[in-house]
PDB file of N, CA and C in Angstrom:
ATOM      1  N   UNK A   1      96.455 -23.347 -58.616  1.00  0.00           N
ATOM      2  CA  UNK A   1      95.938 -22.281 -58.183  1.00  0.00           C
ATOM      3  C   UNK A   1      94.911 -21.795 -59.308  1.00  0.00           C
ATOM      4  N   UNK A   2      94.020 -21.943 -58.769  1.00  0.00           N
ATOM      5  CA  UNK A   2      92.550 -21.524 -59.106  1.00  0.00           C
ATOM      6  C   UNK A   2      92.527 -20.215 -59.757  1.00  0.00           C
ATOM      7  N   UNK A   3      91.706 -19.372 -60.609  1.00  0.00           N
ATOM      8  CA  UNK A   3      91.557 -18.058 -61.168  1.00  0.00           C
ATOM      9  C   UNK A   3      90.917 -17.101 -59.737  1.00  0.00           C
ATOM     10  N   UNK A   4      91.242 -16.294 -59.533  1.00  0.00           N
ATOM     11  CA  UNK A   4      90.929 -15.400 -58.374  1.00  0.00           C
ATOM     12  C   UNK A   4      89.986 -14.337 -58.905  1.00  0.00           C
ATOM     13  N   UNK A   5      89.741 -14.070 -59.997  1.00  0.00           N
ATOM     14  CA  UNK A   5      88.759 -13.162 -60.903  1.00  0.00           C
ATOM     15  C   UNK A   5      88.462 -13.915 -61.840  1.00  0.00           C
ATOM     16  N   UNK A   6      86.591 -12.826 -61.990  1.00  0.00           N
ATOM     17  CA  UNK A   6      85.515 -13.876 -62.691  1.00  0.00           C
ATOM     18  C   UNK A   6      85.486 -13.023 -64.101  1.00  0.00           C
ATOM     19  N   UNK A   7      84.732 -14.067 -65.168  1.00  0.00           N
ATOM     20  CA  UNK A   7      84.686 -12.763 -66.093  1.00  0.00           C
ATOM     21  C   UNK A   7      83.638 -11.574 -65.429  1.00  0.00           C
ATOM     22  N   UNK A   8      83.746 -10.276 -65.935  1.00  0.00           N
ATOM     23  CA  UNK A   8      82.995  -8.963 -65.556  1.00  0.00           C
ATOM     24  C   UNK A   8      83.554  -8.477 -64.833  1.00  0.00           C
ATOM     25  N   UNK A   9      84.664  -8.878 -63.783  1.00  0.00           N
ATOM     26  CA  UNK A   9      85.316  -8.051 -62.800  1.00  0.00           C
ATOM     27  C   UNK A   9      86.023  -7.193 -63.294  1.00  0.00           C
ATOM     28  N   UNK A  10      85.994  -6.164 -62.818  1.00  0.00           N
ATOM     29  CA  UNK A  10      86.579  -4.404 -63.219  1.00  0.00           C
ATOM     30  C   UNK A  10      88.074  -4.566 -61.947  1.00  0.00           C
ATOM     31  N   UNK A  11      89.140  -4.801 -62.553  1.00  0.00           N
ATOM     32  CA  UNK A  11      90.357  -4.217 -61.800  1.00  0.00           C
ATOM     33  C   UNK A  11      91.466  -3.663 -62.666  1.00  0.00           C
ATOM     34  N   UNK A  12      92.194  -3.128 -61.504  1.00  0.00           N
ATOM     35  CA  UNK A  12      93.526  -2.876 -61.842  1.00  0.00           C
ATOM     36  C   UNK A  12      94.563  -3.596 -62.465  1.00  0.00           C
ATOM     37  N   UNK A  13      95.126  -2.579 -63.795  1.00  0.00           N
ATOM     38  CA  UNK A  13      96.108  -3.360 -64.754  1.00  0.00           C
ATOM     39  C   UNK A  13      97.411  -2.314 -64.318  1.00  0.00           C
ATOM     40  N   UNK A  14      98.642  -2.719 -63.583  1.00  0.00           N
ATOM     41  CA  UNK A  14      99.561  -1.512 -63.655  1.00  0.00           C
ATOM     42  C   UNK A  14     100.426  -1.595 -65.016  1.00  0.00           C
ATOM     43  N   UNK A  15     100.369  -0.381 -65.841  1.00  0.00           N
ATOM     44  CA  UNK A  15     100.644  -0.416 -67.191  1.00  0.00           C
ATOM     45  C   UNK A  15     102.478  -0.198 -66.609  1.00  0.00           C
ATOM     46  N   UNK A  16     102.995  -1.142 -67.359  1.00  0.00           N
ATOM     47  CA  UNK A  16     104.499  -0.952 -67.540  1.00  0.00           C
ATOM     48  C   UNK A  16     105.372   0.011 -68.411  1.00  0.00           C
ATOM     49  N   UNK A  17     106.173   0.549 -67.809  1.00  0.00           N
ATOM     50  CA  UNK A  17     106.962   1.531 -68.234  1.00  0.00           C
ATOM     51  C   UNK A  17     107.834   0.702 -69.155  1.00  0.00           C
ATOM     52  N   UNK A  18     108.852   1.857 -70.600  1.00  0.00           N
ATOM     53  CA  UNK A  18     109.300   0.522 -71.429  1.00  0.00           C
ATOM     54  C   UNK A  18     110.647   0.458 -69.962  1.00  0.00           C
ATOM     55  N   UNK A  19     111.767  -0.398 -70.147  1.00  0.00           N
ATOM     56  CA  UNK A  19     112.734  -0.730 -69.141  1.00  0.00           C
ATOM     57  C   UNK A  19     113.286   0.337 -68.915  1.00  0.00           C
ATOM     58  N   UNK A  20     114.239   0.549 -67.560  1.00  0.00           N
ATOM     59  CA  UNK A  20     115.104   1.271 -67.727  1.00  0.00           C
ATOM     60  C   UNK A  20     114.237   2.826 -67.618  1.00  0.00           C
ATOM     61  N   UNK A  21     112.838   3.030 -67.718  1.00  0.00           N
ATOM     62  CA  UNK A  21     112.260   4.025 -68.121  1.00  0.00           C
ATOM     63  C   UNK A  21     112.076   5.001 -66.121  1.00  0.00           C
ATOM     64  N   UNK A  22     112.468   5.944 -65.867  1.00  0.00           N
ATOM     65  CA  UNK A  22     112.313   6.492 -64.539  1.00  0.00           C
ATOM     66  C   UNK A  22     110.792   6.823 -64.553  1.00  0.00           C
ATOM     67  N   UNK A  23     110.113   6.864 -65.103  1.00  0.00           N
ATOM     68  CA  UNK A  23     108.223   7.476 -64.890  1.00  0.00           C
ATOM     69  C   UNK A  23     107.143   6.258 -64.784  1.00  0.00           C
ATOM     70  N   UNK A  24     106.719   6.309 -63.607  1.00  0.00           N
ATOM     71  CA  UNK A  24     106.024   5.262 -63.207  1.00  0.00           C
ATOM     72  C   UNK A  24     104.582   5.888 -63.982  1.00  0.00           C
ATOM     73  N   UNK A  25     104.246   4.702 -64.726  1.00  0.00           N
ATOM     74  CA  UNK A  25     102.666   4.804 -64.973  1.00  0.00           C
ATOM     75  C   UNK A  25     101.712   4.451 -64.014  1.00  0.00           C
ATOM     76  N   UNK A  26     100.580   5.041 -64.495  1.00  0.00           N
ATOM     77  CA  UNK A  26      99.334   4.852 -63.239  1.00  0.00           C
ATOM     78  C   UNK A  26      98.465   4.185 -64.221  1.00  0.00           C
ATOM     79  N   UNK A  27      98.128   3.161 -62.719  1.00  0.00           N
ATOM     80  CA  UNK A  27      97.233   2.130 -63.177  1.00  0.00           C
ATOM     81  C   UNK A  27      95.945   2.653 -63.737  1.00  0.00           C
ATOM     82  N   UNK A  28      95.586   1.509 -64.789  1.00  0.00           N
ATOM     83  CA  UNK A  28      94.568   1.583 -65.412  1.00  0.00           C
ATOM     84  C   UNK A  28      93.362   0.252 -64.894  1.00  0.00           C
ATOM     85  N   UNK A  29      92.310   1.009 -65.335  1.00  0.00           N
ATOM     86  CA  UNK A  29      90.854   0.026 -65.208  1.00  0.00           C
ATOM     87  C   UNK A  29      90.292  -0.734 -66.373  1.00  0.00           C
ATOM     88  N   UNK A  30      90.399  -2.005 -65.919  1.00  0.00           N
ATOM     89  CA  UNK A  30      89.935  -3.023 -67.190  1.00  0.00           C
ATOM     90  C   UNK A  30      89.083  -3.726 -66.826  1.00  0.00           C
ATOM     91  N   UNK A  31      88.119  -4.264 -67.288  1.00  0.00           N
ATOM     92  CA  UNK A  31      87.594  -5.535 -67.159  1.00  0.00           C
ATOM     93  C   UNK A  31      87.760  -6.511 -67.764  1.00  0.00           C
ATOM     94  N   UNK A  32      87.735  -8.284 -66.696  1.00  0.00           N
ATOM     95  CA  UNK A  32      87.908  -9.280 -67.296  1.00  0.00           C
ATOM     96  C   UNK A  32      87.226  -9.838 -68.256  1.00  0.00           C
ATOM     97  N   UNK A  33      87.566 -10.323 -69.301  1.00  0.00           N
ATOM     98  CA  UNK A  33      86.634 -10.709 -70.492  1.00  0.00           C
ATOM     99  C   UNK A  33      86.651 -12.278 -70.706  1.00  0.00           C
ATOM    100  N   UNK A  34      87.844 -12.653 -70.193  1.00  0.00           N
ATOM    101  CA  UNK A  34      87.838 -14.260 -70.237  1.00  0.00           C
ATOM    102  C   UNK A  34      89.083 -14.857 -69.514  1.00  0.00           C
ATOM    103  N   UNK A  35      89.008 -15.991 -68.760  1.00  0.00           N
ATOM    104  CA  UNK A  35      89.912 -16.830 -67.917  1.00  0.00           C
ATOM    105  C   UNK A  35      90.444 -17.467 -69.027  1.00  0.00           C
ATOM    106  N   UNK A  36      92.109 -17.744 -69.208  1.00  0.00           N
ATOM    107  CA  UNK A  36      92.949 -18.591 -69.819  1.00  0.00           C
ATOM    108  C   UNK A  36      93.506 -19.524 -69.566  1.00  0.00           C
ATOM    109  N   UNK A  37      94.059 -20.453 -69.831  1.00  0.00           N
ATOM    110  CA  UNK A  37      94.429 -21.626 -69.283  1.00  0.00           C
ATOM    111  C   UNK A  37      96.081 -20.937 -68.420  1.00  0.00           C
ATOM    112  N   UNK A  38      95.746 -21.799 -67.399  1.00  0.00           N
ATOM    113  CA  UNK A  38      96.541 -21.679 -65.839  1.00  0.00           C
ATOM    114  C   UNK A  38      98.423 -22.134 -66.351  1.00  0.00           C
ATOM    115  N   UNK A  39      99.347 -21.104 -66.880  1.00  0.00           N
ATOM    116  CA  UNK A  39     100.682 -21.188 -67.323  1.00  0.00           C
ATOM    117  C   UNK A  39     101.696 -22.540 -66.707  1.00  0.00           C
ATOM    118  N   UNK A  40     102.268 -23.158 -67.657  1.00  0.00           N
ATOM    119  CA  UNK A  40     103.038 -24.416 -66.894  1.00  0.00           C
ATOM    120  C   UNK A  40     103.406 -23.815 -65.480  1.00  0.00           C
ATOM    121  N   UNK A  41     103.937 -22.882 -65.076  1.00  0.00           N
ATOM    122  CA  UNK A  41     104.292 -22.414 -63.349  1.00  0.00           C
ATOM    123  C   UNK A  41     103.140 -22.104 -62.424  1.00  0.00           C
ATOM    124  N   UNK A  42     101.893 -22.325 -62.917  1.00  0.00           N
ATOM    125  CA  UNK A  42     100.982 -22.395 -62.136  1.00  0.00           C
ATOM    126  C   UNK A  42     100.029 -20.996 -62.199  1.00  0.00           C
ATOM    127  N   UNK A  43     100.801 -20.548 -63.179  1.00  0.00           N
ATOM    128  CA  UNK A  43     100.379 -19.001 -62.907  1.00  0.00           C
ATOM    129  C   UNK A  43      99.231 -19.022 -63.385  1.00  0.00           C
ATOM    130  N   UNK A  44      97.732 -18.484 -63.022  1.00  0.00           N
ATOM    131  CA  UNK A  44      96.611 -18.021 -63.784  1.00  0.00           C
ATOM    132  C   UNK A  44      96.961 -16.970 -64.810  1.00  0.00           C
ATOM    133  N   UNK A  45      96.026 -16.631 -66.182  1.00  0.00           N
ATOM    134  CA  UNK A  45      95.826 -15.822 -67.121  1.00  0.00           C
ATOM    135  C   UNK A  45      94.604 -15.552 -67.117  1.00  0.00           C
ATOM    136  N   UNK A  46      94.751 -14.023 -67.557  1.00  0.00           N
ATOM    137  CA  UNK A  46      93.516 -13.482 -68.310  1.00  0.00           C
ATOM    138  C   UNK A  46      93.563 -12.602 -69.234  1.00  0.00           C
ATOM    139  N   UNK A  47      92.474 -12.364 -70.252  1.00  0.00           N
ATOM    140  CA  UNK A  47      92.302 -11.474 -71.182  1.00  0.00           C
ATOM    141  C   UNK A  47      91.340 -10.256 -70.685  1.00  0.00           C
ATOM    142  N   UNK A  48      92.261  -9.419 -70.662  1.00  0.00           N
ATOM    143  CA  UNK A  48      91.063  -8.013 -70.069  1.00  0.00           C
ATOM    144  C   UNK A  48      90.868  -6.918 -71.088  1.00  0.00           C
ATOM    145  N   UNK A  49      90.105  -6.028 -71.232  1.00  0.00           N
ATOM    146  CA  UNK A  49      89.699  -5.051 -71.653  1.00  0.00           C
ATOM    147  C   UNK A  49      89.807  -3.408 -71.024  1.00  0.00           C
ATOM    148  N   UNK A  50      90.134  -2.672 -71.693  1.00  0.00           N
ATOM    149  CA  UNK A  50      90.613  -1.145 -70.639  1.00  0.00           C
ATOM    150  C   UNK A  50      88.854  -0.197 -71.365  1.00  0.00           C
ATOM    151  N   UNK A  51      88.576  -0.243 -69.641  1.00  0.00           N
ATOM    152  CA  UNK A  51      87.508   0.496 -69.961  1.00  0.00           C
ATOM    153  C   UNK A  51      87.630   1.947 -70.356  1.00  0.00           C
ATOM    154  N   UNK A  52      88.925   2.364 -71.017  1.00  0.00           N
ATOM    155  CA  UNK A  52      88.276   3.887 -71.270  1.00  0.00           C
ATOM    156  C   UNK A  52      89.003   3.880 -73.241  1.00  0.00           C
ATOM    157  N   UNK A  53      89.791   2.727 -73.320  1.00  0.00           N
ATOM    158  CA  UNK A  53      90.524   2.898 -74.620  1.00  0.00           C
ATOM    159  C   UNK A  53      90.057   1.421 -74.981  1.00  0.00           C
ATOM    160  N   UNK A  54      90.241   1.395 -76.691  1.00  0.00           N
ATOM    161  CA  UNK A  54      89.863  -0.197 -77.578  1.00  0.00           C
ATOM    162  C   UNK A  54      91.338  -0.636 -76.924  1.00  0.00           C
ATOM    163  N   UNK A  55      91.689  -1.309 -75.868  1.00  0.00           N
ATOM    164  CA  UNK A  55      92.646  -1.722 -76.081  1.00  0.00           C
ATOM    165  C   UNK A  55      92.198  -3.324 -75.353  1.00  0.00           C
ATOM    166  N   UNK A  56      93.195  -4.419 -75.597  1.00  0.00           N
ATOM    167  CA  UNK A  56      92.986  -5.482 -74.800  1.00  0.00           C
ATOM    168  C   UNK A  56      94.366  -6.186 -74.426  1.00  0.00           C
ATOM    169  N   UNK A  57      94.401  -7.351 -73.210  1.00  0.00           N
ATOM    170  CA  UNK A  57      95.436  -7.258 -73.406  1.00  0.00           C
ATOM    171  C   UNK A  57      95.745  -8.738 -72.446  1.00  0.00           C
ATOM    172  N   UNK A  58      96.518 -10.101 -72.518  1.00  0.00           N
ATOM    173  CA  UNK A  58      96.717 -11.205 -71.842  1.00  0.00           C
ATOM    174  C   UNK A  58      97.564 -10.930 -71.092  1.00  0.00           C
ATOM    175  N   UNK A  59      97.443 -10.755 -69.763  1.00  0.00           N
ATOM    176  CA  UNK A  59      97.832 -11.051 -68.388  1.00  0.00           C
ATOM    177  C   UNK A  59      98.222 -12.087 -67.499  1.00  0.00           C
ATOM    178  N   UNK A  60      99.225 -11.604 -66.791  1.00  0.00           N
ATOM    179  CA  UNK A  60      99.033 -12.930 -65.530  1.00  0.00           C
ATOM    180  C   UNK A  60      98.617 -11.970 -64.360  1.00  0.00           C
ATOM    181  N   UNK A  61      97.736 -13.156 -63.537  1.00  0.00           N
ATOM    182  CA  UNK A  61      97.239 -12.899 -62.291  1.00  0.00           C
ATOM    183  C   UNK A  61      97.946 -11.612 -61.538  1.00  0.00           C
ATOM    184  N   UNK A  62      99.289 -12.021 -61.180  1.00  0.00           N
ATOM    185  CA  UNK A  62     100.181 -11.004 -60.437  1.00  0.00           C
ATOM    186  C   UNK A  62     100.227  -9.798 -60.858  1.00  0.00           C
ATOM    187  N   UNK A  63      99.377  -9.429 -62.133  1.00  0.00           N
ATOM    188  CA  UNK A  63      99.795  -8.212 -62.762  1.00  0.00           C
ATOM    189  C   UNK A  63      98.386  -7.252 -62.129  1.00  0.00           C
ATOM    190  N   UNK A  64      97.663  -7.659 -62.191  1.00  0.00           N
ATOM    191  CA  UNK A  64      96.110  -7.238 -61.372  1.00  0.00           C
ATOM    192  C   UNK A  64      95.889  -7.249 -60.288  1.00  0.00           C
ATOM    193  N   UNK A  65      95.027  -5.912 -60.349  1.00  0.00           N
ATOM    194  CA  UNK A  65      94.776  -6.121 -58.263  1.00  0.00           C
ATOM    195  C   UNK A  65      93.447  -5.427 -58.210  1.00  0.00           C
ATOM    196  N   UNK A  66      92.449  -5.859 -57.353  1.00  0.00           N
ATOM    197  CA  UNK A  66      91.042  -5.150 -57.328  1.00  0.00           C
ATOM    198  C   UNK A  66      90.850  -3.944 -56.975  1.00  0.00           C
ATOM    199  N   UNK A  67      89.374  -3.547 -57.579  1.00  0.00           N
ATOM    200  CA  UNK A  67      88.859  -1.936 -57.465  1.00  0.00           C
ATOM    201  C   UNK A  67      88.915  -1.722 -56.269  1.00  0.00           C
ATOM    202  N   UNK A  68      89.558  -0.766 -55.545  1.00  0.00           N
ATOM    203  CA  UNK A  68      88.751  -0.315 -53.880  1.00  0.00           C
ATOM    204  C   UNK A  68      87.471   0.108 -54.266  1.00  0.00           C
ATOM    205  N   UNK A  69      86.753   0.195 -53.337  1.00  0.00           N
ATOM    206  CA  UNK A  69      85.578   0.118 -53.032  1.00  0.00           C
ATOM    207  C   UNK A  69      84.926   1.291 -52.121  1.00  0.00           C
TER     208      UNK A  69
END
């Protein structure tokens, strides 16, 4: 499975609430800063950076969605 997002793409990342929490966190906007190797199970990974905070994450592709235009 190839990567579906390119470097500098803006994406939504669904922030996960703590396990067992009834609170649904809002999606945050991030920028893809690098494509990482595909995991052994075939899932593409990315390093993303928050547009609003000094925060970077490593996520799998299914945790991302495209921004609506």
